[in-house]
Amino acid sequence: MRWAMDGAAILGSLPEHLEMVKRYSEENGVDYIAYLDRKSGIFHIEDPRLSGIPLPHVWRRQTYEDENYETLFVNEETGERTTEFDPRLKAEELRKRGVKLEAFDLV
Protein backbone atom coordinates (compact mmCIF):
# COMPACT_ATOMS: atom_id res chain seq x y z
CA MET A 1 0.00 0.00 0.00
CA ARG A 2 2.86 2.40 0.73
CA TRP A 3 3.82 2.19 -2.95
CA ALA A 4 0.53 3.79 -3.93
CA MET A 5 0.39 6.27 -1.06
CA ASP A 6 3.81 7.84 -1.62
CA GLY A 7 3.24 8.45 -5.33
CA ALA A 8 5.62 5.75 -6.55
CA ALA A 9 3.01 4.42 -8.97
CA ILE A 10 3.22 7.71 -10.89
CA LEU A 11 6.58 9.24 -9.96
CA GLY A 12 8.72 6.19 -9.31
CA SER A 13 10.41 5.28 -6.05
CA LEU A 14 11.99 7.82 -3.75
CA PRO A 15 15.78 7.73 -3.64
CA GLU A 16 16.99 5.47 -0.80
CA HIS A 17 18.18 8.34 1.39
CA LEU A 18 14.75 10.04 1.30
CA GLU A 19 11.72 9.01 3.30
CA MET A 20 8.16 10.31 3.21
CA VAL A 21 7.22 11.21 6.80
CA LYS A 22 4.66 13.15 8.79
CA ARG A 23 6.01 16.37 10.26
CA TYR A 24 4.09 17.88 13.17
CA SER A 25 3.56 21.65 13.48
CA GLU A 26 3.42 22.69 17.13
CA GLU A 27 2.07 26.07 16.05
CA ASN A 28 -1.15 24.81 14.49
CA GLY A 29 -1.35 21.21 15.73
CA VAL A 30 -1.37 19.61 12.27
CA ASP A 31 0.68 16.79 10.73
CA TYR A 32 2.06 17.58 7.27
CA ILE A 33 3.67 15.30 4.72
CA ALA A 34 7.38 15.98 4.30
CA TYR A 35 10.39 14.25 2.80
CA LEU A 36 13.24 13.61 5.20
CA ASP A 37 16.73 13.44 3.77
CA ARG A 38 18.34 10.94 6.16
CA LYS A 39 21.84 11.97 5.01
CA SER A 40 21.47 15.66 5.83
CA GLY A 41 18.56 15.61 8.29
CA ILE A 42 16.78 18.25 6.19
CA PHE A 43 13.03 18.16 5.66
CA HIS A 44 11.72 19.01 2.19
CA ILE A 45 8.10 20.07 1.81
CA GLU A 46 8.06 19.45 -1.93
CA ASP A 47 8.32 15.96 -3.35
CA PRO A 48 11.93 15.77 -4.59
CA ARG A 49 10.84 13.69 -7.58
CA LEU A 50 9.12 16.82 -8.93
CA SER A 51 12.05 19.19 -8.45
CA GLY A 52 13.10 19.22 -12.12
CA ILE A 53 9.58 19.61 -13.48
CA PRO A 54 8.36 23.18 -14.02
CA LEU A 55 4.92 24.25 -12.88
CA PRO A 56 2.27 24.56 -15.61
CA HIS A 57 2.46 28.07 -17.10
CA VAL A 58 -0.60 29.45 -15.25
CA TRP A 59 0.59 28.27 -11.81
CA ARG A 60 3.09 29.83 -9.41
CA ARG A 61 4.25 29.30 -5.85
CA GLN A 62 3.36 31.94 -3.30
CA THR A 63 5.00 32.51 0.04
CA TYR A 64 2.79 32.46 3.12
CA GLU A 65 2.88 31.80 6.86
CA ASP A 66 2.97 27.96 6.77
CA GLU A 67 5.48 27.62 3.94
CA ASN A 68 7.81 25.65 6.22
CA TYR A 69 5.21 22.88 6.13
CA GLU A 70 3.45 23.08 2.77
CA THR A 71 3.46 24.92 -0.55
CA LEU A 72 0.79 27.36 -1.63
CA PHE A 73 0.09 27.21 -5.37
CA VAL A 74 -1.82 30.01 -7.11
CA ASN A 75 -3.44 29.82 -10.54
CA GLU A 76 -2.87 33.23 -12.13
CA GLU A 77 -5.80 32.85 -14.55
CA THR A 78 -8.52 31.72 -12.14
CA GLY A 79 -7.17 32.97 -8.81
CA GLU A 80 -7.48 29.45 -7.39
CA ARG A 81 -5.23 28.97 -4.37
CA THR A 82 -4.42 25.53 -3.03
CA THR A 83 -2.13 23.63 -0.73
CA GLU A 84 -4.07 20.42 -1.35
CA PHE A 85 -2.37 19.32 -4.55
CA ASP A 86 0.61 20.01 -6.76
CA PRO A 87 -0.54 21.19 -10.22
CA ARG A 88 2.22 19.09 -11.82
CA LEU A 89 0.23 16.02 -10.74
CA LYS A 90 -3.00 16.93 -12.52
CA ALA A 91 -4.01 14.32 -15.09
CA GLU A 92 -3.45 16.59 -18.09
CA GLU A 93 0.05 17.52 -16.89
CA LEU A 94 0.97 13.88 -16.31
CA ARG A 95 -0.26 12.98 -19.79
CA LYS A 96 1.88 15.76 -21.29
CA ARG A 97 4.91 14.06 -19.71
CA GLY A 98 3.96 10.69 -21.18
CA VAL A 99 2.40 9.09 -18.10
CA LYS A 100 -0.26 6.61 -19.17
CA LEU A 101 -3.32 6.99 -16.95
CA GLU A 102 -6.34 4.78 -16.67
CA ALA A 103 -9.61 5.75 -14.96
CA PHE A 104 -11.33 3.31 -12.62
CA ASP A 105 -14.84 3.47 -11.21
CA LEU A 106 -14.77 2.16 -7.66
CA VAL A 107 -18.09 1.00 -6.33
PDB file of N, CA and C in Angstrom:
ATOM      1  N   MET A   1       0.822  -1.196   0.000  1.00  0.00           N
ATOM      2  CA  MET A   1       0.000   0.000   0.000  1.00  0.00           C
ATOM      3  C   MET A   1       0.867   1.262   0.000  1.00  0.00           C
ATOM      4  N   ARG A   2       1.988   1.234   0.669  1.00  0.00           N
ATOM      5  CA  ARG A   2       2.865   2.401   0.726  1.00  0.00           C
ATOM      6  C   ARG A   2       3.248   2.847  -0.683  1.00  0.00           C
ATOM      7  N   TRP A   3       3.425   1.888  -1.582  1.00  0.00           N
ATOM      8  CA  TRP A   3       3.823   2.195  -2.951  1.00  0.00           C
ATOM      9  C   TRP A   3       2.830   3.132  -3.612  1.00  0.00           C
ATOM     10  N   ALA A   4       1.548   2.927  -3.348  1.00  0.00           N
ATOM     11  CA  ALA A   4       0.530   3.794  -3.931  1.00  0.00           C
ATOM     12  C   ALA A   4       0.425   5.108  -3.172  1.00  0.00           C
ATOM     13  N   MET A   5       0.587   5.077  -1.882  1.00  0.00           N
ATOM     14  CA  MET A   5       0.389   6.268  -1.063  1.00  0.00           C
ATOM     15  C   MET A   5       1.510   7.291  -1.206  1.00  0.00           C
ATOM     16  N   ASP A   6       2.713   6.864  -1.521  1.00  0.00           N
ATOM     17  CA  ASP A   6       3.808   7.841  -1.618  1.00  0.00           C
ATOM     18  C   ASP A   6       4.049   8.315  -3.045  1.00  0.00           C
ATOM     19  N   GLY A   7       3.148   7.967  -3.958  1.00  0.00           N
ATOM     20  CA  GLY A   7       3.244   8.455  -5.333  1.00  0.00           C
ATOM     21  C   GLY A   7       4.143   7.644  -6.238  1.00  0.00           C
ATOM     22  N   ALA A   8       4.690   6.543  -5.745  1.00  0.00           N
ATOM     23  CA  ALA A   8       5.625   5.751  -6.547  1.00  0.00           C
ATOM     24  C   ALA A   8       4.982   5.204  -7.815  1.00  0.00           C
ATOM     25  N   ALA A   9       3.685   4.958  -7.782  1.00  0.00           N
ATOM     26  CA  ALA A   9       3.015   4.420  -8.969  1.00  0.00           C
ATOM     27  C   ALA A   9       3.077   5.402 -10.133  1.00  0.00           C
ATOM     28  N   ILE A  10       3.169   6.692  -9.839  1.00  0.00           N
ATOM     29  CA  ILE A  10       3.215   7.713 -10.886  1.00  0.00           C
ATOM     30  C   ILE A  10       4.613   8.296 -11.046  1.00  0.00           C
ATOM     31  N   LEU A  11       5.298   8.531  -9.930  1.00  0.00           N
ATOM     32  CA  LEU A  11       6.579   9.243  -9.959  1.00  0.00           C
ATOM     33  C   LEU A  11       7.804   8.351  -9.836  1.00  0.00           C
ATOM     34  N   GLY A  12       7.592   7.078  -9.567  1.00  0.00           N
ATOM     35  CA  GLY A  12       8.724   6.194  -9.310  1.00  0.00           C
ATOM     36  C   GLY A  12       9.095   6.235  -7.840  1.00  0.00           C
ATOM     37  N   SER A  13      10.007   5.378  -7.450  1.00  0.00           N
ATOM     38  CA  SER A  13      10.412   5.279  -6.046  1.00  0.00           C
ATOM     39  C   SER A  13      11.216   6.493  -5.614  1.00  0.00           C
ATOM     40  N   LEU A  14      11.125   6.793  -4.328  1.00  0.00           N
ATOM     41  CA  LEU A  14      11.986   7.820  -3.751  1.00  0.00           C
ATOM     42  C   LEU A  14      13.413   7.296  -3.700  1.00  0.00           C
ATOM     43  N   PRO A  15      14.398   8.174  -3.848  1.00  0.00           N
ATOM     44  CA  PRO A  15      15.782   7.734  -3.643  1.00  0.00           C
ATOM     45  C   PRO A  15      15.931   7.136  -2.240  1.00  0.00           C
ATOM     46  N   GLU A  16      16.846   6.196  -2.072  1.00  0.00           N
ATOM     47  CA  GLU A  16      16.988   5.469  -0.805  1.00  0.00           C
ATOM     48  C   GLU A  16      17.193   6.356   0.404  1.00  0.00           C
ATOM     49  N   HIS A  17      17.885   7.480   0.235  1.00  0.00           N
ATOM     50  CA  HIS A  17      18.181   8.337   1.386  1.00  0.00           C
ATOM     51  C   HIS A  17      17.022   9.253   1.770  1.00  0.00           C
ATOM     52  N   LEU A  18      15.918   9.217   1.000  1.00  0.00           N
ATOM     53  CA  LEU A  18      14.751  10.037   1.302  1.00  0.00           C
ATOM     54  C   LEU A  18      13.596   9.183   1.785  1.00  0.00           C
ATOM     55  N   GLU A  19      12.859   9.732   2.734  1.00  0.00           N
ATOM     56  CA  GLU A  19      11.724   9.007   3.301  1.00  0.00           C
ATOM     57  C   GLU A  19      10.549   9.968   3.438  1.00  0.00           C
ATOM     58  N   MET A  20       9.365   9.522   3.019  1.00  0.00           N
ATOM     59  CA  MET A  20       8.161  10.312   3.212  1.00  0.00           C
ATOM     60  C   MET A  20       7.728  10.135   4.661  1.00  0.00           C
ATOM     61  N   VAL A  21       7.549  11.243   5.374  1.00  0.00           N
ATOM     62  CA  VAL A  21       7.218  11.206   6.799  1.00  0.00           C
ATOM     63  C   VAL A  21       6.131  12.228   7.099  1.00  0.00           C
ATOM     64  N   LYS A  22       5.550  12.115   8.287  1.00  0.00           N
ATOM     65  CA  LYS A  22       4.660  13.148   8.792  1.00  0.00           C
ATOM     66  C   LYS A  22       5.500  14.075   9.654  1.00  0.00           C
ATOM     67  N   ARG A  23       5.291  15.359   9.495  1.00  0.00           N
ATOM     68  CA  ARG A  23       6.010  16.369  10.263  1.00  0.00           C
ATOM     69  C   ARG A  23       4.977  17.206  11.008  1.00  0.00           C
ATOM     70  N   TYR A  24       5.080  17.227  12.328  1.00  0.00           N
ATOM     71  CA  TYR A  24       4.088  17.885  13.172  1.00  0.00           C
ATOM     72  C   TYR A  24       4.420  19.360  13.372  1.00  0.00           C
ATOM     73  N   SER A  25       3.416  20.219  13.219  1.00  0.00           N
ATOM     74  CA  SER A  25       3.557  21.648  13.482  1.00  0.00           C
ATOM     75  C   SER A  25       2.994  21.944  14.861  1.00  0.00           C
ATOM     76  N   GLU A  26       3.863  22.304  15.780  1.00  0.00           N
ATOM     77  CA  GLU A  26       3.423  22.689  17.130  1.00  0.00           C
ATOM     78  C   GLU A  26       2.504  23.907  17.063  1.00  0.00           C
ATOM     79  N   GLU A  27       2.794  24.811  16.142  1.00  0.00           N
ATOM     80  CA  GLU A  27       2.069  26.070  16.046  1.00  0.00           C
ATOM     81  C   GLU A  27       0.586  25.889  15.757  1.00  0.00           C
ATOM     82  N   ASN A  28       0.261  24.977  14.830  1.00  0.00           N
ATOM     83  CA  ASN A  28      -1.155  24.812  14.494  1.00  0.00           C
ATOM     84  C   ASN A  28      -1.696  23.413  14.758  1.00  0.00           C
ATOM     85  N   GLY A  29      -0.880  22.528  15.325  1.00  0.00           N
ATOM     86  CA  GLY A  29      -1.348  21.206  15.727  1.00  0.00           C
ATOM     87  C   GLY A  29      -1.724  20.279  14.593  1.00  0.00           C
ATOM     88  N   VAL A  30      -1.041  20.415  13.455  1.00  0.00           N
ATOM     89  CA  VAL A  30      -1.367  19.615  12.271  1.00  0.00           C
ATOM     90  C   VAL A  30      -0.138  18.831  11.825  1.00  0.00           C
ATOM     91  N   ASP A  31      -0.381  17.585  11.370  1.00  0.00           N
ATOM     92  CA  ASP A  31       0.675  16.795  10.730  1.00  0.00           C
ATOM     93  C   ASP A  31       0.685  17.120   9.244  1.00  0.00           C
ATOM     94  N   TYR A  32       1.876  17.322   8.697  1.00  0.00           N
ATOM     95  CA  TYR A  32       2.056  17.577   7.275  1.00  0.00           C
ATOM     96  C   TYR A  32       2.963  16.509   6.692  1.00  0.00           C
ATOM     97  N   ILE A  33       2.777  16.211   5.415  1.00  0.00           N
ATOM     98  CA  ILE A  33       3.674  15.298   4.719  1.00  0.00           C
ATOM     99  C   ILE A  33       4.953  16.051   4.394  1.00  0.00           C
ATOM    100  N   ALA A  34       6.084  15.405   4.631  1.00  0.00           N
ATOM    101  CA  ALA A  34       7.382  15.982   4.302  1.00  0.00           C
ATOM    102  C   ALA A  34       8.278  14.846   3.813  1.00  0.00           C
ATOM    103  N   TYR A  35       9.413  15.223   3.288  1.00  0.00           N
ATOM    104  CA  TYR A  35      10.391  14.250   2.800  1.00  0.00           C
ATOM    105  C   TYR A  35      11.674  14.486   3.576  1.00  0.00           C
ATOM    106  N   LEU A  36      12.061  13.495   4.364  1.00  0.00           N
ATOM    107  CA  LEU A  36      13.243  13.607   5.204  1.00  0.00           C
ATOM    108  C   LEU A  36      14.451  13.048   4.461  1.00  0.00           C
ATOM    109  N   ASP A  37      15.459  13.880   4.324  1.00  0.00           N
ATOM    110  CA  ASP A  37      16.731  13.440   3.768  1.00  0.00           C
ATOM    111  C   ASP A  37      17.542  12.887   4.943  1.00  0.00           C
ATOM    112  N   ARG A  38      17.657  11.575   5.016  1.00  0.00           N
ATOM    113  CA  ARG A  38      18.343  10.944   6.155  1.00  0.00           C
ATOM    114  C   ARG A  38      19.837  11.232   6.167  1.00  0.00           C
ATOM    115  N   LYS A  39      20.412  11.617   5.041  1.00  0.00           N
ATOM    116  CA  LYS A  39      21.838  11.967   5.009  1.00  0.00           C
ATOM    117  C   LYS A  39      22.080  13.318   5.671  1.00  0.00           C
ATOM    118  N   SER A  40      21.247  14.300   5.334  1.00  0.00           N
ATOM    119  CA  SER A  40      21.470  15.664   5.827  1.00  0.00           C
ATOM    120  C   SER A  40      20.596  16.025   7.020  1.00  0.00           C
ATOM    121  N   GLY A  41      19.499  15.268   7.232  1.00  0.00           N
ATOM    122  CA  GLY A  41      18.558  15.608   8.293  1.00  0.00           C
ATOM    123  C   GLY A  41      17.599  16.727   7.911  1.00  0.00           C
ATOM    124  N   ILE A  42      17.627  17.145   6.653  1.00  0.00           N
ATOM    125  CA  ILE A  42      16.780  18.247   6.189  1.00  0.00           C
ATOM    126  C   ILE A  42      15.422  17.718   5.735  1.00  0.00           C
ATOM    127  N   PHE A  43      14.374  18.453   6.125  1.00  0.00           N
ATOM    128  CA  PHE A  43      13.030  18.159   5.657  1.00  0.00           C
ATOM    129  C   PHE A  43      12.750  18.976   4.402  1.00  0.00           C
ATOM    130  N   HIS A  44      12.146  18.331   3.416  1.00  0.00           N
ATOM    131  CA  HIS A  44      11.717  19.009   2.191  1.00  0.00           C
ATOM    132  C   HIS A  44      10.197  18.954   2.161  1.00  0.00           C
ATOM    133  N   ILE A  45       9.560  20.071   1.877  1.00  0.00           N
ATOM    134  CA  ILE A  45       8.099  20.065   1.814  1.00  0.00           C
ATOM    135  C   ILE A  45       7.597  19.647   0.435  1.00  0.00           C
ATOM    136  N   GLU A  46       8.432  19.814  -0.568  1.00  0.00           N
ATOM    137  CA  GLU A  46       8.063  19.452  -1.929  1.00  0.00           C
ATOM    138  C   GLU A  46       8.639  18.076  -2.263  1.00  0.00           C
ATOM    139  N   ASP A  47       7.856  17.285  -2.948  1.00  0.00           N
ATOM    140  CA  ASP A  47       8.325  15.959  -3.353  1.00  0.00           C
ATOM    141  C   ASP A  47       9.563  16.127  -4.236  1.00  0.00           C
ATOM    142  N   PRO A  48      10.694  15.581  -3.826  1.00  0.00           N
ATOM    143  CA  PRO A  48      11.935  15.772  -4.588  1.00  0.00           C
ATOM    144  C   PRO A  48      11.884  15.182  -5.995  1.00  0.00           C
ATOM    145  N   ARG A  49      10.964  14.272  -6.250  1.00  0.00           N
ATOM    146  CA  ARG A  49      10.838  13.692  -7.584  1.00  0.00           C
ATOM    147  C   ARG A  49      10.248  14.692  -8.576  1.00  0.00           C
ATOM    148  N   LEU A  50       9.693  15.787  -8.060  1.00  0.00           N
ATOM    149  CA  LEU A  50       9.117  16.817  -8.926  1.00  0.00           C
ATOM    150  C   LEU A  50      10.035  18.020  -9.105  1.00  0.00           C
ATOM    151  N   SER A  51      11.194  18.000  -8.482  1.00  0.00           N
ATOM    152  CA  SER A  51      12.050  19.191  -8.451  1.00  0.00           C
ATOM    153  C   SER A  51      12.503  19.663  -9.831  1.00  0.00           C
ATOM    154  N   GLY A  52      12.660  18.795 -10.799  1.00  0.00           N
ATOM    155  CA  GLY A  52      13.100  19.215 -12.123  1.00  0.00           C
ATOM    156  C   GLY A  52      11.967  19.505 -13.090  1.00  0.00           C
ATOM    157  N   ILE A  53      10.739  19.422 -12.613  1.00  0.00           N
ATOM    158  CA  ILE A  53       9.577  19.605 -13.482  1.00  0.00           C
ATOM    159  C   ILE A  53       8.975  20.983 -13.217  1.00  0.00           C
ATOM    160  N   PRO A  54       8.927  21.843 -14.231  1.00  0.00           N
ATOM    161  CA  PRO A  54       8.362  23.181 -14.015  1.00  0.00           C
ATOM    162  C   PRO A  54       6.857  23.123 -13.773  1.00  0.00           C
ATOM    163  N   LEU A  55       6.361  24.127 -13.073  1.00  0.00           N
ATOM    164  CA  LEU A  55       4.919  24.252 -12.880  1.00  0.00           C
ATOM    165  C   LEU A  55       4.259  24.575 -14.217  1.00  0.00           C
ATOM    166  N   PRO A  56       3.001  24.142 -14.406  1.00  0.00           N
ATOM    167  CA  PRO A  56       2.270  24.558 -15.608  1.00  0.00           C
ATOM    168  C   PRO A  56       2.265  26.088 -15.678  1.00  0.00           C
ATOM    169  N   HIS A  57       2.241  26.637 -16.886  1.00  0.00           N
ATOM    170  CA  HIS A  57       2.458  28.074 -17.095  1.00  0.00           C
ATOM    171  C   HIS A  57       1.518  28.987 -16.325  1.00  0.00           C
ATOM    172  N   VAL A  58       0.327  28.568 -15.965  1.00  0.00           N
ATOM    173  CA  VAL A  58      -0.602  29.454 -15.246  1.00  0.00           C
ATOM    174  C   VAL A  58      -0.438  29.375 -13.726  1.00  0.00           C
ATOM    175  N   TRP A  59       0.413  28.468 -13.248  1.00  0.00           N
ATOM    176  CA  TRP A  59       0.587  28.275 -11.809  1.00  0.00           C
ATOM    177  C   TRP A  59       1.896  28.887 -11.323  1.00  0.00           C
ATOM    178  N   ARG A  60       1.876  29.349 -10.070  1.00  0.00           N
ATOM    179  CA  ARG A  60       3.089  29.828  -9.414  1.00  0.00           C
ATOM    180  C   ARG A  60       3.023  29.487  -7.935  1.00  0.00           C
ATOM    181  N   ARG A  61       4.173  29.469  -7.303  1.00  0.00           N
ATOM    182  CA  ARG A  61       4.251  29.299  -5.852  1.00  0.00           C
ATOM    183  C   ARG A  61       4.098  30.665  -5.208  1.00  0.00           C
ATOM    184  N   GLN A  62       3.478  30.678  -4.032  1.00  0.00           N
ATOM    185  CA  GLN A  62       3.360  31.936  -3.302  1.00  0.00           C
ATOM    186  C   GLN A  62       3.805  31.711  -1.866  1.00  0.00           C
ATOM    187  N   THR A  63       4.578  32.625  -1.350  1.00  0.00           N
ATOM    188  CA  THR A  63       5.000  32.506   0.037  1.00  0.00           C
ATOM    189  C   THR A  63       3.825  32.839   0.957  1.00  0.00           C
ATOM    190  N   TYR A  64       3.813  32.193   2.116  1.00  0.00           N
ATOM    191  CA  TYR A  64       2.787  32.457   3.125  1.00  0.00           C
ATOM    192  C   TYR A  64       3.244  31.886   4.450  1.00  0.00           C
ATOM    193  N   GLU A  65       2.434  32.080   5.495  1.00  0.00           N
ATOM    194  CA  GLU A  65       2.878  31.800   6.862  1.00  0.00           C
ATOM    195  C   GLU A  65       3.260  30.345   7.142  1.00  0.00           C
ATOM    196  N   ASP A  66       2.659  29.378   6.500  1.00  0.00           N
ATOM    197  CA  ASP A  66       2.969  27.964   6.766  1.00  0.00           C
ATOM    198  C   ASP A  66       3.902  27.352   5.730  1.00  0.00           C
ATOM    199  N   GLU A  67       4.668  28.151   5.025  1.00  0.00           N
ATOM    200  CA  GLU A  67       5.483  27.618   3.937  1.00  0.00           C
ATOM    201  C   GLU A  67       6.595  26.693   4.412  1.00  0.00           C
ATOM    202  N   ASN A  68       6.849  26.626   5.699  1.00  0.00           N
ATOM    203  CA  ASN A  68       7.812  25.648   6.218  1.00  0.00           C
ATOM    204  C   ASN A  68       7.203  24.253   6.282  1.00  0.00           C
ATOM    205  N   TYR A  69       5.897  24.166   6.048  1.00  0.00           N
ATOM    206  CA  TYR A  69       5.212  22.880   6.128  1.00  0.00           C
ATOM    207  C   TYR A  69       4.497  22.460   4.852  1.00  0.00           C
ATOM    208  N   GLU A  70       4.135  23.406   4.014  1.00  0.00           N
ATOM    209  CA  GLU A  70       3.449  23.077   2.770  1.00  0.00           C
ATOM    210  C   GLU A  70       3.609  24.218   1.779  1.00  0.00           C
ATOM    211  N   THR A  71       3.323  23.931   0.520  1.00  0.00           N
ATOM    212  CA  THR A  71       3.463  24.916  -0.549  1.00  0.00           C
ATOM    213  C   THR A  71       2.095  25.438  -0.950  1.00  0.00           C
ATOM    214  N   LEU A  72       2.010  26.740  -1.130  1.00  0.00           N
ATOM    215  CA  LEU A  72       0.788  27.356  -1.633  1.00  0.00           C
ATOM    216  C   LEU A  72       0.975  27.597  -3.127  1.00  0.00           C
ATOM    217  N   PHE A  73       0.079  27.012  -3.926  1.00  0.00           N
ATOM    218  CA  PHE A  73       0.087  27.208  -5.375  1.00  0.00           C
ATOM    219  C   PHE A  73      -1.062  28.133  -5.747  1.00  0.00           C
ATOM    220  N   VAL A  74      -0.808  29.052  -6.671  1.00  0.00           N
ATOM    221  CA  VAL A  74      -1.817  30.008  -7.113  1.00  0.00           C
ATOM    222  C   VAL A  74      -1.930  29.936  -8.630  1.00  0.00           C
ATOM    223  N   ASN A  75      -3.165  29.802  -9.104  1.00  0.00           N
ATOM    224  CA  ASN A  75      -3.436  29.825 -10.541  1.00  0.00           C
ATOM    225  C   ASN A  75      -3.668  31.284 -10.925  1.00  0.00           C
ATOM    226  N   GLU A  76      -2.801  31.812 -11.775  1.00  0.00           N
ATOM    227  CA  GLU A  76      -2.869  33.231 -12.128  1.00  0.00           C
ATOM    228  C   GLU A  76      -4.042  33.575 -13.036  1.00  0.00           C
ATOM    229  N   GLU A  77      -4.642  32.588 -13.695  1.00  0.00           N
ATOM    230  CA  GLU A  77      -5.799  32.848 -14.547  1.00  0.00           C
ATOM    231  C   GLU A  77      -7.094  32.856 -13.748  1.00  0.00           C
ATOM    232  N   THR A  78      -7.252  31.872 -12.861  1.00  0.00           N
ATOM    233  CA  THR A  78      -8.518  31.719 -12.136  1.00  0.00           C
ATOM    234  C   THR A  78      -8.489  32.297 -10.732  1.00  0.00           C
ATOM    235  N   GLY A  79      -7.293  32.514 -10.185  1.00  0.00           N
ATOM    236  CA  GLY A  79      -7.175  32.974  -8.806  1.00  0.00           C
ATOM    237  C   GLY A  79      -7.243  31.839  -7.795  1.00  0.00           C
ATOM    238  N   GLU A  80      -7.436  30.609  -8.291  1.00  0.00           N
ATOM    239  CA  GLU A  80      -7.485  29.453  -7.388  1.00  0.00           C
ATOM    240  C   GLU A  80      -6.205  29.384  -6.564  1.00  0.00           C
ATOM    241  N   ARG A  81      -6.361  29.111  -5.285  1.00  0.00           N
ATOM    242  CA  ARG A  81      -5.232  28.971  -4.367  1.00  0.00           C
ATOM    243  C   ARG A  81      -5.385  27.628  -3.672  1.00  0.00           C
ATOM    244  N   THR A  82      -4.318  26.846  -3.643  1.00  0.00           N
ATOM    245  CA  THR A  82      -4.425  25.531  -3.029  1.00  0.00           C
ATOM    246  C   THR A  82      -3.117  25.081  -2.397  1.00  0.00           C
ATOM    247  N   THR A  83      -3.249  24.354  -1.317  1.00  0.00           N
ATOM    248  CA  THR A  83      -2.131  23.627  -0.726  1.00  0.00           C
ATOM    249  C   THR A  83      -2.432  22.134  -0.795  1.00  0.00           C
ATOM    250  N   GLU A  84      -3.593  21.803  -1.347  1.00  0.00           N
ATOM    251  CA  GLU A  84      -4.071  20.420  -1.348  1.00  0.00           C
ATOM    252  C   GLU A  84      -3.445  19.540  -2.416  1.00  0.00           C
ATOM    253  N   PHE A  85      -2.946  20.122  -3.484  1.00  0.00           N
ATOM    254  CA  PHE A  85      -2.366  19.320  -4.552  1.00  0.00           C
ATOM    255  C   PHE A  85      -1.289  20.113  -5.267  1.00  0.00           C
ATOM    256  N   ASP A  86      -0.421  19.394  -5.933  1.00  0.00           N
ATOM    257  CA  ASP A  86       0.614  20.009  -6.758  1.00  0.00           C
ATOM    258  C   ASP A  86       0.108  19.988  -8.196  1.00  0.00           C
ATOM    259  N   PRO A  87       0.014  21.145  -8.855  1.00  0.00           N
ATOM    260  CA  PRO A  87      -0.537  21.187 -10.216  1.00  0.00           C
ATOM    261  C   PRO A  87       0.214  20.315 -11.212  1.00  0.00           C
ATOM    262  N   ARG A  88       1.460  19.966 -10.921  1.00  0.00           N
ATOM    263  CA  ARG A  88       2.217  19.093 -11.822  1.00  0.00           C
ATOM    264  C   ARG A  88       1.682  17.663 -11.804  1.00  0.00           C
ATOM    265  N   LEU A  89       0.801  17.362 -10.838  1.00  0.00           N
ATOM    266  CA  LEU A  89       0.231  16.021 -10.736  1.00  0.00           C
ATOM    267  C   LEU A  89      -1.194  15.934 -11.284  1.00  0.00           C
ATOM    268  N   LYS A  90      -1.684  17.010 -11.877  1.00  0.00           N
ATOM    269  CA  LYS A  90      -2.997  16.934 -12.522  1.00  0.00           C
ATOM    270  C   LYS A  90      -2.899  15.990 -13.719  1.00  0.00           C
ATOM    271  N   ALA A  91      -4.001  15.326 -14.025  1.00  0.00           N
ATOM    272  CA  ALA A  91      -4.013  14.321 -15.094  1.00  0.00           C
ATOM    273  C   ALA A  91      -3.474  14.860 -16.410  1.00  0.00           C
ATOM    274  N   GLU A  92      -3.909  16.061 -16.802  1.00  0.00           N
ATOM    275  CA  GLU A  92      -3.453  16.592 -18.093  1.00  0.00           C
ATOM    276  C   GLU A  92      -1.952  16.872 -18.104  1.00  0.00           C
ATOM    277  N   GLU A  93      -1.398  17.268 -16.970  1.00  0.00           N
ATOM    278  CA  GLU A  93       0.046  17.521 -16.892  1.00  0.00           C
ATOM    279  C   GLU A  93       0.830  16.207 -16.931  1.00  0.00           C
ATOM    280  N   LEU A  94       0.317  15.187 -16.266  1.00  0.00           N
ATOM    281  CA  LEU A  94       0.971  13.876 -16.314  1.00  0.00           C
ATOM    282  C   LEU A  94       0.962  13.327 -17.734  1.00  0.00           C
ATOM    283  N   ARG A  95      -0.166  13.458 -18.409  1.00  0.00           N
ATOM    284  CA  ARG A  95      -0.258  12.977 -19.793  1.00  0.00           C
ATOM    285  C   ARG A  95       0.733  13.696 -20.700  1.00  0.00           C
ATOM    286  N   LYS A  96       0.907  15.008 -20.494  1.00  0.00           N
ATOM    287  CA  LYS A  96       1.883  15.763 -21.292  1.00  0.00           C
ATOM    288  C   LYS A  96       3.293  15.201 -21.136  1.00  0.00           C
ATOM    289  N   ARG A  97       3.572  14.631 -19.968  1.00  0.00           N
ATOM    290  CA  ARG A  97       4.907  14.064 -19.706  1.00  0.00           C
ATOM    291  C   ARG A  97       4.974  12.582 -20.053  1.00  0.00           C
ATOM    292  N   GLY A  98       3.927  12.062 -20.697  1.00  0.00           N
ATOM    293  CA  GLY A  98       3.963  10.690 -21.177  1.00  0.00           C
ATOM    294  C   GLY A  98       3.503   9.637 -20.184  1.00  0.00           C
ATOM    295  N   VAL A  99       2.913  10.057 -19.070  1.00  0.00           N
ATOM    296  CA  VAL A  99       2.396   9.091 -18.100  1.00  0.00           C
ATOM    297  C   VAL A  99       1.077   8.556 -18.630  1.00  0.00           C
ATOM    298  N   LYS A 100       0.973   7.232 -18.708  1.00  0.00           N
ATOM    299  CA  LYS A 100      -0.265   6.608 -19.166  1.00  0.00           C
ATOM    300  C   LYS A 100      -1.176   6.419 -17.956  1.00  0.00           C
ATOM    301  N   LEU A 101      -2.351   7.036 -18.036  1.00  0.00           N
ATOM    302  CA  LEU A 101      -3.317   6.988 -16.949  1.00  0.00           C
ATOM    303  C   LEU A 101      -4.531   6.185 -17.373  1.00  0.00           C
ATOM    304  N   GLU A 102      -5.117   5.526 -16.419  1.00  0.00           N
ATOM    305  CA  GLU A 102      -6.343   4.781 -16.669  1.00  0.00           C
ATOM    306  C   GLU A 102      -7.327   5.094 -15.567  1.00  0.00           C
ATOM    307  N   ALA A 103      -8.567   5.425 -15.938  1.00  0.00           N
ATOM    308  CA  ALA A 103      -9.611   5.749 -14.956  1.00  0.00           C
ATOM    309  C   ALA A 103     -10.298   4.469 -14.494  1.00  0.00           C
ATOM    310  N   PHE A 104     -10.623   4.434 -13.216  1.00  0.00           N
ATOM    311  CA  PHE A 104     -11.334   3.311 -12.622  1.00  0.00           C
ATOM    312  C   PHE A 104     -12.555   3.847 -11.886  1.00  0.00           C
ATOM    313  N   ASP A 105     -13.653   3.155 -12.006  1.00  0.00           N
ATOM    314  CA  ASP A 105     -14.843   3.469 -11.212  1.00  0.00           C
ATOM    315  C   ASP A 105     -14.888   2.482 -10.047  1.00  0.00           C
ATOM    316  N   LEU A 106     -14.716   3.000  -8.848  1.00  0.00           N
ATOM    317  CA  LEU A 106     -14.768   2.159  -7.659  1.00  0.00           C
ATOM    318  C   LEU A 106     -16.172   2.211  -7.090  1.00  0.00           C
ATOM    319  N   VAL A 107     -16.732   1.053  -6.871  1.00  0.00           N
ATOM    320  CA  VAL A 107     -18.087   1.001  -6.326  1.00  0.00           C
ATOM    321  C   VAL A 107     -18.112   0.195  -5.045  1.00  0.00           C
TER     322      VAL A 107
END
